[in-house]
C-alpha atoms as a PDB file:
ATOM      1  CA  UNK A   1     114.856 120.098  99.764  1.00  0.00           C
ATOM      2  CA  UNK A   2     113.005 122.515  97.485  1.00  0.00           C
ATOM      3  CA  UNK A   3     113.979 122.790  93.822  1.00  0.00           C
ATOM      4  CA  UNK A   4     114.829 126.023  92.094  1.00  0.00           C
ATOM      5  CA  UNK A   5     112.193 128.126  90.418  1.00  0.00           C
ATOM      6  CA  UNK A   6     113.417 127.237  86.907  1.00  0.00           C
ATOM      7  CA  UNK A   7     111.854 123.790  87.453  1.00  0.00           C
ATOM      8  CA  UNK A   8     108.618 125.125  88.908  1.00  0.00           C
ATOM      9  CA  UNK A   9     105.202 125.579  87.378  1.00  0.00           C
ATOM     10  CA  UNK A  10     106.487 128.278  84.978  1.00  0.00           C
ATOM     11  CA  UNK A  11     108.314 125.560  83.043  1.00  0.00           C
ATOM     12  CA  UNK A  12     107.095 122.417  81.380  1.00  0.00           C
ATOM     13  CA  UNK A  13     109.207 120.232  83.625  1.00  0.00           C
ATOM     14  CA  UNK A  14     106.300 119.364  85.892  1.00  0.00           C
ATOM     15  CA  UNK A  15     104.664 117.522  82.977  1.00  0.00           C
ATOM     16  CA  UNK A  16     107.782 115.366  82.596  1.00  0.00           C
ATOM     17  CA  UNK A  17     107.529 114.545  86.288  1.00  0.00           C
ATOM     18  CA  UNK A  18     103.864 113.656  85.804  1.00  0.00           C
ATOM     19  CA  UNK A  19     104.747 111.390  82.878  1.00  0.00           C
ATOM     20  CA  UNK A  20     107.505 109.650  84.858  1.00  0.00           C
ATOM     21  CA  UNK A  21     105.151 109.111  87.808  1.00  0.00           C
ATOM     22  CA  UNK A  22     102.428 107.776  85.515  1.00  0.00           C
ATOM     23  CA  UNK A  23     104.896 105.441  83.792  1.00  0.00           C
ATOM     24  CA  UNK A  24     106.052 104.109  87.175  1.00  0.00           C
ATOM     25  CA  UNK A  25     102.486 103.274  88.154  1.00  0.00           C
ATOM     26  CA  UNK A  26     101.705 101.749  84.754  1.00  0.00           C
ATOM     27  CA  UNK A  27     104.763  99.500  85.136  1.00  0.00           C
ATOM     28  CA  UNK A  28     103.343  98.249  88.430  1.00  0.00           C
ATOM     29  CA  UNK A  29      99.843  97.931  86.952  1.00  0.00           C
ATOM     30  CA  UNK A  30     101.191  95.876  84.046  1.00  0.00           C
ATOM     31  CA  UNK A  31     103.013  93.559  86.473  1.00  0.00           C
ATOM     32  CA  UNK A  32      99.834  93.192  88.534  1.00  0.00           C
ATOM     33  CA  UNK A  33      97.423  92.618  85.656  1.00  0.00           C
ATOM     34  CA  UNK A  34      99.622  90.368  83.524  1.00  0.00           C
ATOM     35  CA  UNK A  35      98.475  87.397  85.615  1.00  0.00           C
ATOM     36  CA  UNK A  36      94.695  87.099  84.928  1.00  0.00           C
ATOM     37  CA  UNK A  37      95.166  86.168  81.246  1.00  0.00           C
ATOM     38  CA  UNK A  38      97.710  83.539  82.338  1.00  0.00           C
ATOM     39  CA  UNK A  39      95.660  81.874  85.082  1.00  0.00           C
ATOM     40  CA  UNK A  40      94.582  78.859  82.943  1.00  0.00           C
ATOM     41  CA  UNK A  41      98.223  78.254  81.976  1.00  0.00           C
ATOM     42  CA  UNK A  42      99.395  78.569  85.583  1.00  0.00           C
ATOM     43  CA  UNK A  43      96.721  76.095  86.723  1.00  0.00           C
ATOM     44  CA  UNK A  44      97.781  73.641  84.018  1.00  0.00           C
ATOM     45  CA  UNK A  45     101.517  73.928  84.752  1.00  0.00           C
ATOM     46  CA  UNK A  46     101.422  73.677  88.550  1.00  0.00           C
ATOM     47  CA  UNK A  47      98.279  71.568  88.970  1.00  0.00           C
ATOM     48  CA  UNK A  48      96.627  74.034  91.365  1.00  0.00           C
ATOM     49  CA  UNK A  49      92.997  74.962  91.986  1.00  0.00           C
ATOM     50  CA  UNK A  50      91.191  78.143  91.007  1.00  0.00           C
ATOM     51  CA  UNK A  51      91.319  79.317  94.619  1.00  0.00           C
ATOM     52  CA  UNK A  52      95.085  78.845  94.752  1.00  0.00           C
ATOM     53  CA  UNK A  53      95.498  80.629  91.430  1.00  0.00           C
ATOM     54  CA  UNK A  54      93.577  83.570  92.847  1.00  0.00           C
ATOM     55  CA  UNK A  55      96.363  83.981  95.404  1.00  0.00           C
ATOM     56  CA  UNK A  56      98.566  85.275  92.596  1.00  0.00           C
ATOM     57  CA  UNK A  57      96.428  88.409  92.628  1.00  0.00           C
ATOM     58  CA  UNK A  58      95.541  88.722  96.297  1.00  0.00           C
ATOM     59  CA  UNK A  59      99.136  88.253  97.499  1.00  0.00           C
ATOM     60  CA  UNK A  60     100.111  91.358  95.512  1.00  0.00           C
ATOM     61  CA  UNK A  61      97.548  93.426  97.392  1.00  0.00           C
ATOM     62  CA  UNK A  62      98.507  92.283 100.896  1.00  0.00           C
ATOM     63  CA  UNK A  63     101.601  94.551 101.114  1.00  0.00           C
ATOM     64  CA  UNK A  64      99.392  97.498 100.227  1.00  0.00           C
ATOM     65  CA  UNK A  65      97.245  96.793 103.277  1.00  0.00           C
ATOM     66  CA  UNK A  66     100.255  96.330 105.531  1.00  0.00           C
ATOM     67  CA  UNK A  67     102.667  98.961 104.237  1.00  0.00           C
ATOM     68  CA  UNK A  68     100.717 101.865 102.729  1.00  0.00           C
ATOM     69  CA  UNK A  69     100.377 103.841 105.977  1.00  0.00           C
ATOM     70  CA  UNK A  70     104.033 103.247 106.779  1.00  0.00           C
ATOM     71  CA  UNK A  71     105.130 104.248 103.287  1.00  0.00           C
ATOM     72  CA  UNK A  72     103.037 107.406 103.239  1.00  0.00           C
ATOM     73  CA  UNK A  73     103.627 108.598 106.778  1.00  0.00           C
ATOM     74  CA  UNK A  74     107.216 107.505 107.428  1.00  0.00           C
ATOM     75  CA  UNK A  75     109.209 106.707 104.299  1.00  0.00           C
ATOM     76  CA  UNK A  76     108.034 109.660 102.208  1.00  0.00           C
ATOM     77  CA  UNK A  77     108.743 112.049 105.098  1.00  0.00           C
ATOM     78  CA  UNK A  78     112.071 110.580 106.198  1.00  0.00           C
ATOM     79  CA  UNK A  79     113.510 109.920 102.742  1.00  0.00           C
ATOM     80  CA  UNK A  80     112.895 111.889  99.576  1.00  0.00           C
ATOM     81  CA  UNK A  81     110.386 110.647  97.059  1.00  0.00           C
ATOM     82  CA  UNK A  82     113.018 109.792  94.480  1.00  0.00           C
ATOM     83  CA  UNK A  83     114.697 107.214  96.717  1.00  0.00           C
ATOM     84  CA  UNK A  84     111.423 105.601  97.749  1.00  0.00           C
ATOM     85  CA  UNK A  85     110.217 105.580  94.146  1.00  0.00           C
ATOM     86  CA  UNK A  86     113.406 103.918  92.935  1.00  0.00           C
ATOM     87  CA  UNK A  87     113.160 101.227  95.629  1.00  0.00           C
ATOM     88  CA  UNK A  88     109.538 100.585  94.682  1.00  0.00           C
ATOM     89  CA  UNK A  89     110.365 100.065  91.013  1.00  0.00           C
ATOM     90  CA  UNK A  90     113.316  97.832  91.891  1.00  0.00           C
ATOM     91  CA  UNK A  91     110.870  95.663  93.857  1.00  0.00           C
ATOM     92  CA  UNK A  92     108.525  95.495  90.852  1.00  0.00           C
ATOM     93  CA  UNK A  93     111.378  94.460  88.536  1.00  0.00           C
ATOM     94  CA  UNK A  94     112.756  91.858  90.947  1.00  0.00           C
ATOM     95  CA  UNK A  95     109.271  90.508  91.625  1.00  0.00           C
ATOM     96  CA  UNK A  96     108.601  90.117  87.910  1.00  0.00           C
ATOM     97  CA  UNK A  97     111.910  88.297  87.397  1.00  0.00           C
ATOM     98  CA  UNK A  98     111.337  85.965  90.353  1.00  0.00           C
ATOM     99  CA  UNK A  99     107.869  85.172  89.004  1.00  0.00           C
ATOM    100  CA  UNK A 100     109.273  84.479  85.536  1.00  0.00           C
ATOM    101  CA  UNK A 101     112.003  82.185  86.860  1.00  0.00           C
ATOM    102  CA  UNK A 102     109.866  80.423  89.476  1.00  0.00           C
ATOM    103  CA  UNK A 103     110.172  76.655  89.452  1.00  0.00           C
ATOM    104  CA  UNK A 104     107.284  76.182  91.841  1.00  0.00           C
ATOM    105  CA  UNK A 105     104.020  77.876  92.672  1.00  0.00           C
ATOM    106  CA  UNK A 106     105.381  78.939  96.070  1.00  0.00           C
ATOM    107  CA  UNK A 107     108.293  80.825  94.493  1.00  0.00           C
ATOM    108  CA  UNK A 108     105.867  82.431  92.076  1.00  0.00           C
ATOM    109  CA  UNK A 109     103.890  83.714  95.078  1.00  0.00           C
ATOM    110  CA  UNK A 110     107.109  85.149  96.525  1.00  0.00           C
ATOM    111  CA  UNK A 111     107.700  87.044  93.293  1.00  0.00           C
ATOM    112  CA  UNK A 112     104.171  88.371  93.318  1.00  0.00           C
ATOM    113  CA  UNK A 113     104.587  89.497  96.925  1.00  0.00           C
ATOM    114  CA  UNK A 114     107.672  91.497  95.900  1.00  0.00           C
ATOM    115  CA  UNK A 115     105.632  93.158  93.168  1.00  0.00           C
ATOM    116  CA  UNK A 116     103.074  94.049  95.829  1.00  0.00           C
ATOM    117  CA  UNK A 117     105.731  95.631  98.061  1.00  0.00           C
ATOM    118  CA  UNK A 118     106.775  97.844  95.173  1.00  0.00           C
ATOM    119  CA  UNK A 119     103.157  98.655  94.441  1.00  0.00           C
ATOM    120  CA  UNK A 120     102.482  99.690  98.050  1.00  0.00           C
ATOM    121  CA  UNK A 121     105.306 102.223  97.858  1.00  0.00           C
ATOM    122  CA  UNK A 122     104.250 103.433  94.400  1.00  0.00           C
ATOM    123  CA  UNK A 123     100.706 104.040  95.644  1.00  0.00           C
ATOM    124  CA  UNK A 124     102.077 106.282  98.403  1.00  0.00           C
ATOM    125  CA  UNK A 125     104.892 108.039  96.537  1.00  0.00           C
ATOM    126  CA  UNK A 126     103.524 108.971  93.135  1.00  0.00           C
ATOM    127  CA  UNK A 127     100.543 111.080  94.305  1.00  0.00           C
ATOM    128  CA  UNK A 128     102.895 112.867  96.724  1.00  0.00           C
ATOM    129  CA  UNK A 129     105.227 113.680  93.841  1.00  0.00           C
ATOM    130  CA  UNK A 130     102.414 115.186  91.791  1.00  0.00           C
ATOM    131  CA  UNK A 131     101.228 117.268  94.749  1.00  0.00           C
ATOM    132  CA  UNK A 132     104.752 118.676  95.025  1.00  0.00           C
ATOM    133  CA  UNK A 133     104.781 119.843  91.416  1.00  0.00           C
ATOM    134  CA  UNK A 134     101.284 121.120  90.707  1.00  0.00           C
ATOM    135  CA  UNK A 135      99.512 124.045  92.406  1.00  0.00           C
ATOM    136  CA  UNK A 136      95.979 123.649  93.682  1.00  0.00           C
ATOM    137  CA  UNK A 137      94.476 125.233  90.586  1.00  0.00           C
ATOM    138  CA  UNK A 138      95.984 122.486  88.384  1.00  0.00           C
ATOM    139  CA  UNK A 139      96.100 119.567  90.788  1.00  0.00           C
ATOM    140  CA  UNK A 140      92.757 118.114  89.690  1.00  0.00           C
ATOM    141  CA  UNK A 141      93.805 118.050  86.047  1.00  0.00           C
ATOM    142  CA  UNK A 142      97.152 116.482  86.916  1.00  0.00           C
ATOM    143  CA  UNK A 143      95.564 113.830  89.123  1.00  0.00           C
ATOM    144  CA  UNK A 144      92.965 113.155  86.432  1.00  0.00           C
ATOM    145  CA  UNK A 145      95.711 112.364  83.945  1.00  0.00           C
ATOM    146  CA  UNK A 146      97.617 110.353  86.538  1.00  0.00           C
ATOM    147  CA  UNK A 147      94.412 108.481  87.433  1.00  0.00           C
ATOM    148  CA  UNK A 148      94.414 106.537  84.169  1.00  0.00           C
ATOM    149  CA  UNK A 149      97.362 104.533  85.541  1.00  0.00           C
ATOM    150  CA  UNK A 150      95.691 101.250  86.524  1.00  0.00           C
ATOM    151  CA  UNK A 151      93.136 101.255  83.666  1.00  0.00           C
ATOM    152  CA  UNK A 152      95.892 101.930  81.128  1.00  0.00           C
ATOM    153  CA  UNK A 153      98.117  99.226  82.562  1.00  0.00           C
ATOM    154  CA  UNK A 154      95.205  96.786  82.480  1.00  0.00           C
ATOM    155  CA  UNK A 155      94.157  97.381  78.878  1.00  0.00           C
ATOM    156  CA  UNK A 156      97.796  97.019  77.806  1.00  0.00           C
ATOM    157  CA  UNK A 157      98.558  93.980  79.956  1.00  0.00           C
ATOM    158  CA  UNK A 158      95.563  91.814  79.127  1.00  0.00           C
ATOM    159  CA  UNK A 159      95.920  91.384  75.350  1.00  0.00           C
ATOM    160  CA  UNK A 160      99.726  91.689  75.499  1.00  0.00           C
ATOM    161  CA  UNK A 161     100.111  88.913  78.070  1.00  0.00           C
ATOM    162  CA  UNK A 162      97.687  86.689  76.148  1.00  0.00           C
ATOM    163  CA  UNK A 163      99.469  87.142  72.824  1.00  0.00           C
ATOM    164  CA  UNK A 164     102.953  86.700  74.334  1.00  0.00           C
ATOM    165  CA  UNK A 165     101.947  83.603  76.297  1.00  0.00           C
ATOM    166  CA  UNK A 166     100.439  81.968  73.216  1.00  0.00           C
ATOM    167  CA  UNK A 167     103.532  82.764  71.147  1.00  0.00           C
ATOM    168  CA  UNK A 168     106.394  82.285  73.615  1.00  0.00           C
ATOM    169  CA  UNK A 169     105.043  80.557  76.701  1.00  0.00           C
ATOM    170  CA  UNK A 170     103.733  81.333  80.161  1.00  0.00           C
ATOM    171  CA  UNK A 171     106.836  83.058  81.520  1.00  0.00           C
ATOM    172  CA  UNK A 172     107.573  85.486  78.708  1.00  0.00           C
ATOM    173  CA  UNK A 173     105.017  88.141  79.792  1.00  0.00           C
ATOM    174  CA  UNK A 174     106.787  88.393  83.167  1.00  0.00           C
ATOM    175  CA  UNK A 175     110.102  89.091  81.427  1.00  0.00           C
ATOM    176  CA  UNK A 176     108.364  91.827  79.454  1.00  0.00           C
ATOM    177  CA  UNK A 177     106.980  93.170  82.727  1.00  0.00           C
ATOM    178  CA  UNK A 178     110.526  93.345  84.110  1.00  0.00           C
ATOM    179  CA  UNK A 179     111.708  95.230  81.018  1.00  0.00           C
ATOM    180  CA  UNK A 180     108.861  97.738  81.344  1.00  0.00           C
ATOM    181  CA  UNK A 181     109.796  98.174  85.006  1.00  0.00           C
ATOM    182  CA  UNK A 182     113.435  98.813  84.095  1.00  0.00           C
ATOM    183  CA  UNK A 183     112.402 101.462  81.568  1.00  0.00           C
ATOM    184  CA  UNK A 184     110.150 103.115  84.150  1.00  0.00           C
ATOM    185  CA  UNK A 185     112.978 102.963  86.700  1.00  0.00           C
ATOM    186  CA  UNK A 186     115.427 104.683  84.346  1.00  0.00           C
ATOM    187  CA  UNK A 187     112.942 107.420  83.451  1.00  0.00           C
ATOM    188  CA  UNK A 188     111.936 107.934  87.078  1.00  0.00           C
ATOM    189  CA  UNK A 189     115.537 108.210  88.317  1.00  0.00           C
ATOM    190  CA  UNK A 190     116.467 110.621  85.525  1.00  0.00           C
ATOM    191  CA  UNK A 191     113.424 112.895  85.707  1.00  0.00           C
ATOM    192  CA  UNK A 192     111.806 112.981  89.135  1.00  0.00           C
ATOM    193  CA  UNK A 193     112.947 115.539  91.712  1.00  0.00           C
ATOM    194  CA  UNK A 194     111.288 116.983  94.761  1.00  0.00           C
ATOM    195  CA  UNK A 195     109.021 119.811  93.664  1.00  0.00           C
ATOM    196  CA  UNK A 196     108.576 123.514  94.448  1.00  0.00           C
ATOM    197  CA  UNK A 197     105.455 122.872  96.563  1.00  0.00           C
ATOM    198  CA  UNK A 198     107.148 120.335  98.838  1.00  0.00           C
ATOM    199  CA  UNK A 199     106.842 122.225 102.105  1.00  0.00           C
ATOM    200  CA  UNK A 200     103.316 123.484 101.708  1.00  0.00           C
ATOM    201  CA  UNK A 201     101.999 120.040 100.692  1.00  0.00           C
ATOM    202  CA  UNK A 202     103.547 117.982 103.511  1.00  0.00           C
ATOM    203  CA  UNK A 203     102.382 119.677 106.700  1.00  0.00           C
ATOM    204  CA  UNK A 204      99.566 117.204 107.443  1.00  0.00           C
ATOM    205  CA  UNK A 205     100.418 114.684 110.163  1.00  0.00           C
ATOM    206  CA  UNK A 206      99.309 111.042 110.078  1.00  0.00           C
ATOM    207  CA  UNK A 207      97.042 111.654 113.072  1.00  0.00           C
ATOM    208  CA  UNK A 208      95.320 114.511 111.236  1.00  0.00           C
ATOM    209  CA  UNK A 209      94.938 112.399 108.118  1.00  0.00           C
ATOM    210  CA  UNK A 210      93.464 109.450 110.007  1.00  0.00           C
ATOM    211  CA  UNK A 211      91.080 111.780 111.822  1.00  0.00           C
ATOM    212  CA  UNK A 212      89.809 113.314 108.586  1.00  0.00           C
ATOM    213  CA  UNK A 213      86.384 111.865 107.786  1.00  0.00           C
ATOM    214  CA  UNK A 214      86.691 112.905 104.122  1.00  0.00           C
ATOM    215  CA  UNK A 215      89.774 110.712 103.772  1.00  0.00           C
ATOM    216  CA  UNK A 216      87.814 107.694 105.006  1.00  0.00           C
ATOM    217  CA  UNK A 217      84.909 108.399 102.662  1.00  0.00           C
ATOM    218  CA  UNK A 218      87.203 108.653  99.652  1.00  0.00           C
ATOM    219  CA  UNK A 219      88.915 105.468 100.786  1.00  0.00           C
ATOM    220  CA  UNK A 220      85.551 103.715 100.954  1.00  0.00           C
ATOM    221  CA  UNK A 221      84.789 104.665  97.356  1.00  0.00           C
ATOM    222  CA  UNK A 222      88.210 103.402  96.307  1.00  0.00           C
ATOM    223  CA  UNK A 223      87.650 100.150  98.227  1.00  0.00           C
ATOM    224  CA  UNK A 224      84.323  99.364  96.541  1.00  0.00           C
ATOM    225  CA  UNK A 225      85.615 100.192  93.085  1.00  0.00           C
ATOM    226  CA  UNK A 226      88.724  98.029  93.423  1.00  0.00           C
ATOM    227  CA  UNK A 227      86.794  95.137  94.959  1.00  0.00           C
ATOM    228  CA  UNK A 228      84.308  95.023  92.094  1.00  0.00           C
ATOM    229  CA  UNK A 229      86.741  95.839  89.277  1.00  0.00           C
ATOM    230  CA  UNK A 230      89.492  93.436  90.323  1.00  0.00           C
ATOM    231  CA  UNK A 231      87.026  90.612  90.882  1.00  0.00           C
ATOM    232  CA  UNK A 232      85.830  90.976  87.300  1.00  0.00           C
ATOM    233  CA  UNK A 233      89.201  91.574  85.626  1.00  0.00           C
ATOM    234  CA  UNK A 234      90.819  88.667  87.481  1.00  0.00           C
ATOM    235  CA  UNK A 235      88.301  86.049  86.383  1.00  0.00           C
ATOM    236  CA  UNK A 236      86.556  87.673  83.427  1.00  0.00           C
ATOM    237  CA  UNK A 237      88.782  86.170  80.759  1.00  0.00           C
ATOM    238  CA  UNK A 238      88.616  82.653  82.219  1.00  0.00           C
ATOM    239  CA  UNK A 239      84.834  82.893  82.475  1.00  0.00           C
ATOM    240  CA  UNK A 240      84.520  84.019  78.846  1.00  0.00           C
ATOM    241  CA  UNK A 241      86.799  81.188  77.724  1.00  0.00           C
ATOM    242  CA  UNK A 242      85.094  78.516  79.830  1.00  0.00           C
ATOM    243  CA  UNK A 243      81.421  79.379  79.503  1.00  0.00           C
ATOM    244  CA  UNK A 244      81.297  81.295  76.207  1.00  0.00           C
ATOM    245  CA  UNK A 245      84.109  79.498  74.361  1.00  0.00           C
ATOM    246  CA  UNK A 246      85.733  82.784  73.379  1.00  0.00           C
ATOM    247  CA  UNK A 247      89.339  82.493  72.114  1.00  0.00           C
ATOM    248  CA  UNK A 248      92.017  83.601  74.566  1.00  0.00           C
ATOM    249  CA  UNK A 249      93.072  86.938  73.077  1.00  0.00           C
ATOM    250  CA  UNK A 250      89.504  88.051  72.418  1.00  0.00           C
ATOM    251  CA  UNK A 251      88.474  87.029  75.929  1.00  0.00           C
ATOM    252  CA  UNK A 252      91.289  89.139  77.411  1.00  0.00           C
ATOM    253  CA  UNK A 253      90.102  92.183  75.455  1.00  0.00           C
ATOM    254  CA  UNK A 254      86.497  91.681  76.563  1.00  0.00           C
ATOM    255  CA  UNK A 255      87.644  91.401  80.179  1.00  0.00           C
ATOM    256  CA  UNK A 256      89.605  94.668  79.932  1.00  0.00           C
ATOM    257  CA  UNK A 257      86.778  96.705  78.383  1.00  0.00           C
ATOM    258  CA  UNK A 258      85.668  97.684  81.876  1.00  0.00           C
ATOM    259  CA  UNK A 259      88.773  99.876  82.195  1.00  0.00           C
ATOM    260  CA  UNK A 260      88.252 101.811  78.981  1.00  0.00           C
ATOM    261  CA  UNK A 261      85.569 103.978  80.598  1.00  0.00           C
ATOM    262  CA  UNK A 262      88.006 105.054  83.309  1.00  0.00           C
ATOM    263  CA  UNK A 263      90.655 106.036  80.753  1.00  0.00           C
ATOM    264  CA  UNK A 264      88.220 108.438  79.127  1.00  0.00           C
ATOM    265  CA  UNK A 265      86.340 109.788  82.145  1.00  0.00           C
ATOM    266  CA  UNK A 266      88.938 110.137  84.919  1.00  0.00           C
ATOM    267  CA  UNK A 267      90.796 113.016  83.174  1.00  0.00           C
ATOM    268  CA  UNK A 268      87.425 114.704  82.527  1.00  0.00           C
ATOM    269  CA  UNK A 269      86.483 114.531  86.200  1.00  0.00           C
ATOM    270  CA  UNK A 270      89.916 115.850  87.142  1.00  0.00           C
ATOM    271  CA  UNK A 271      89.447 118.804  84.801  1.00  0.00           C
ATOM    272  CA  UNK A 272      85.983 119.499  86.220  1.00  0.00           C
ATOM    273  CA  UNK A 273      87.301 119.458  89.777  1.00  0.00           C
ATOM    274  CA  UNK A 274      89.636 122.334  88.822  1.00  0.00           C
ATOM    275  CA  UNK A 275      86.665 124.265  87.456  1.00  0.00           C
ATOM    276  CA  UNK A 276      84.964 124.616  90.836  1.00  0.00           C
ATOM    277  CA  UNK A 277      82.777 121.542  90.467  1.00  0.00           C
ATOM    278  CA  UNK A 278      82.013 120.180  93.900  1.00  0.00           C
ATOM    279  CA  UNK A 279      84.488 117.416  94.698  1.00  0.00           C
ATOM    280  CA  UNK A 280      81.946 115.778  96.996  1.00  0.00           C
ATOM    281  CA  UNK A 281      79.396 115.643  94.190  1.00  0.00           C
ATOM    282  CA  UNK A 282      81.875 113.944  91.881  1.00  0.00           C
ATOM    283  CA  UNK A 283      82.852 111.513  94.637  1.00  0.00           C
ATOM    284  CA  UNK A 284      79.259 110.668  95.524  1.00  0.00           C
ATOM    285  CA  UNK A 285      78.479 110.181  91.842  1.00  0.00           C
ATOM    286  CA  UNK A 286      81.336 107.688  91.637  1.00  0.00           C
ATOM    287  CA  UNK A 287      80.184 105.905  94.788  1.00  0.00           C
ATOM    288  CA  UNK A 288      76.607 105.494  93.540  1.00  0.00           C
ATOM    289  CA  UNK A 289      77.557 104.482  90.018  1.00  0.00           C
ATOM    290  CA  UNK A 290      80.377 102.140  91.014  1.00  0.00           C
ATOM    291  CA  UNK A 291      78.536  98.914  91.821  1.00  0.00           C
ATOM    292  CA  UNK A 292      75.649  99.566  89.434  1.00  0.00           C
ATOM    293  CA  UNK A 293      77.995 100.531  86.619  1.00  0.00           C
ATOM    294  CA  UNK A 294      80.294  97.567  87.030  1.00  0.00           C
ATOM    295  CA  UNK A 295      77.371  95.150  87.254  1.00  0.00           C
ATOM    296  CA  UNK A 296      75.759  96.647  84.140  1.00  0.00           C
ATOM    297  CA  UNK A 297      79.001  96.461  82.167  1.00  0.00           C
ATOM    298  CA  UNK A 298      79.617  92.879  83.240  1.00  0.00           C
ATOM    299  CA  UNK A 299      76.027  91.889  82.410  1.00  0.00           C
ATOM    300  CA  UNK A 300      76.227  93.595  79.019  1.00  0.00           C
ATOM    301  CA  UNK A 301      79.506  91.916  78.172  1.00  0.00           C
ATOM    302  CA  UNK A 302      78.217  88.523  79.300  1.00  0.00           C
ATOM    303  CA  UNK A 303      75.102  88.751  77.146  1.00  0.00           C
ATOM    304  CA  UNK A 304      76.680  90.391  74.135  1.00  0.00           C
ATOM    305  CA  UNK A 305      79.933  88.468  73.861  1.00  0.00           C
ATOM    306  CA  UNK A 306      78.272  85.853  71.649  1.00  0.00           C
ATOM    307  CA  UNK A 307      77.029  88.603  69.340  1.00  0.00           C
ATOM    308  CA  UNK A 308      80.460  90.216  69.137  1.00  0.00           C
ATOM    309  CA  UNK A 309      82.057  86.875  68.499  1.00  0.00           C
ATOM    310  CA  UNK A 310      79.517  86.088  65.778  1.00  0.00           C
ATOM    311  CA  UNK A 311      80.261  89.395  64.047  1.00  0.00           C
ATOM    312  CA  UNK A 312      83.966  88.631  64.145  1.00  0.00           C
ATOM    313  CA  UNK A 313      83.390  85.277  62.511  1.00  0.00           C
ATOM    314  CA  UNK A 314      81.231  86.879  59.799  1.00  0.00           C
ATOM    315  CA  UNK A 315      84.042  89.320  59.101  1.00  0.00           C
ATOM    316  CA  UNK A 316      86.449  86.414  58.855  1.00  0.00           C
ATOM    317  CA  UNK A 317      88.648  87.425  61.767  1.00  0.00           C
ATOM    318  CA  UNK A 318      89.345  85.837  65.076  1.00  0.00           C
ATOM    319  CA  UNK A 319      92.487  87.873  65.523  1.00  0.00           C
ATOM    320  CA  UNK A 320      92.962  90.490  68.201  1.00  0.00           C
ATOM    321  CA  UNK A 321      92.911  93.473  65.843  1.00  0.00           C
ATOM    322  CA  UNK A 322      89.465  92.636  64.484  1.00  0.00           C
ATOM    323  CA  UNK A 323      88.168  92.014  67.992  1.00  0.00           C
ATOM    324  CA  UNK A 324      89.567  95.334  69.175  1.00  0.00           C
ATOM    325  CA  UNK A 325      87.969  97.262  66.340  1.00  0.00           C
ATOM    326  CA  UNK A 326      84.579  95.625  66.770  1.00  0.00           C
ATOM    327  CA  UNK A 327      84.511  95.976  70.560  1.00  0.00           C
ATOM    328  CA  UNK A 328      85.378  99.668  70.418  1.00  0.00           C
END
């Protein structure tokens, strides 16, 4: 199905589609990243080890490994993107509710796995939607804006989950995650349609994609970034609390600072890619700076957190707003 021209690039409708796709991914990112600030509470409630608590993050990522190829090569081709996107957000909402209502750690893992199933589909569907709505000359800019999805979800989830858990208990952030997912689901179902560039963007077969060396190189960059970033964001807050005695909300903000750079720079790189900057140069720059950059940021935060915390105390504020202003 190809939509009529009145919804094509001559209108502003494609930006609504971009917003709906971004919101869908942010809903998943919030559900994913709401857990790290809650890990100490989960350990205390269920009497589990740090290694077991880490499963709450890794179990979300397993469906992505198992289902991403299937979602991208089969579901998106056989069913339209709207249906697959709706199913993915339903999985995120149900997973958040199961996690919130879980009476045991095992049931909580089941809820997290459901979130991961939704995330695997969202990873495959949302970029395909954007490619259907934006021509090549604007695709870099659109993907740059869309690329803030996980960083934005992280910087929202970390302090929000910490504040809500302190005020209302461990399970409340998961209810909020379900509400965000429902909002994203409603917007997605109301706004997203298959775009005017559907046919010209979907001619590549799975065999061609798997045989494309550039795809594997980009995937390698994405692998290294996620491995380093998720390792830090998952345990950063607990490390700051345990070894630097930083209060919970402040520790969650320090742990999320890593993602602020992506929010600012990803749209810039997307814009530059539309201005005939070499995509390979931008990719190689990201590959080289990934590990070094993450290590430098982590080292800086680890050394400077005492100084930041001391400044906050001098200013008479241990609250999240003071910490946010000082850190930025």
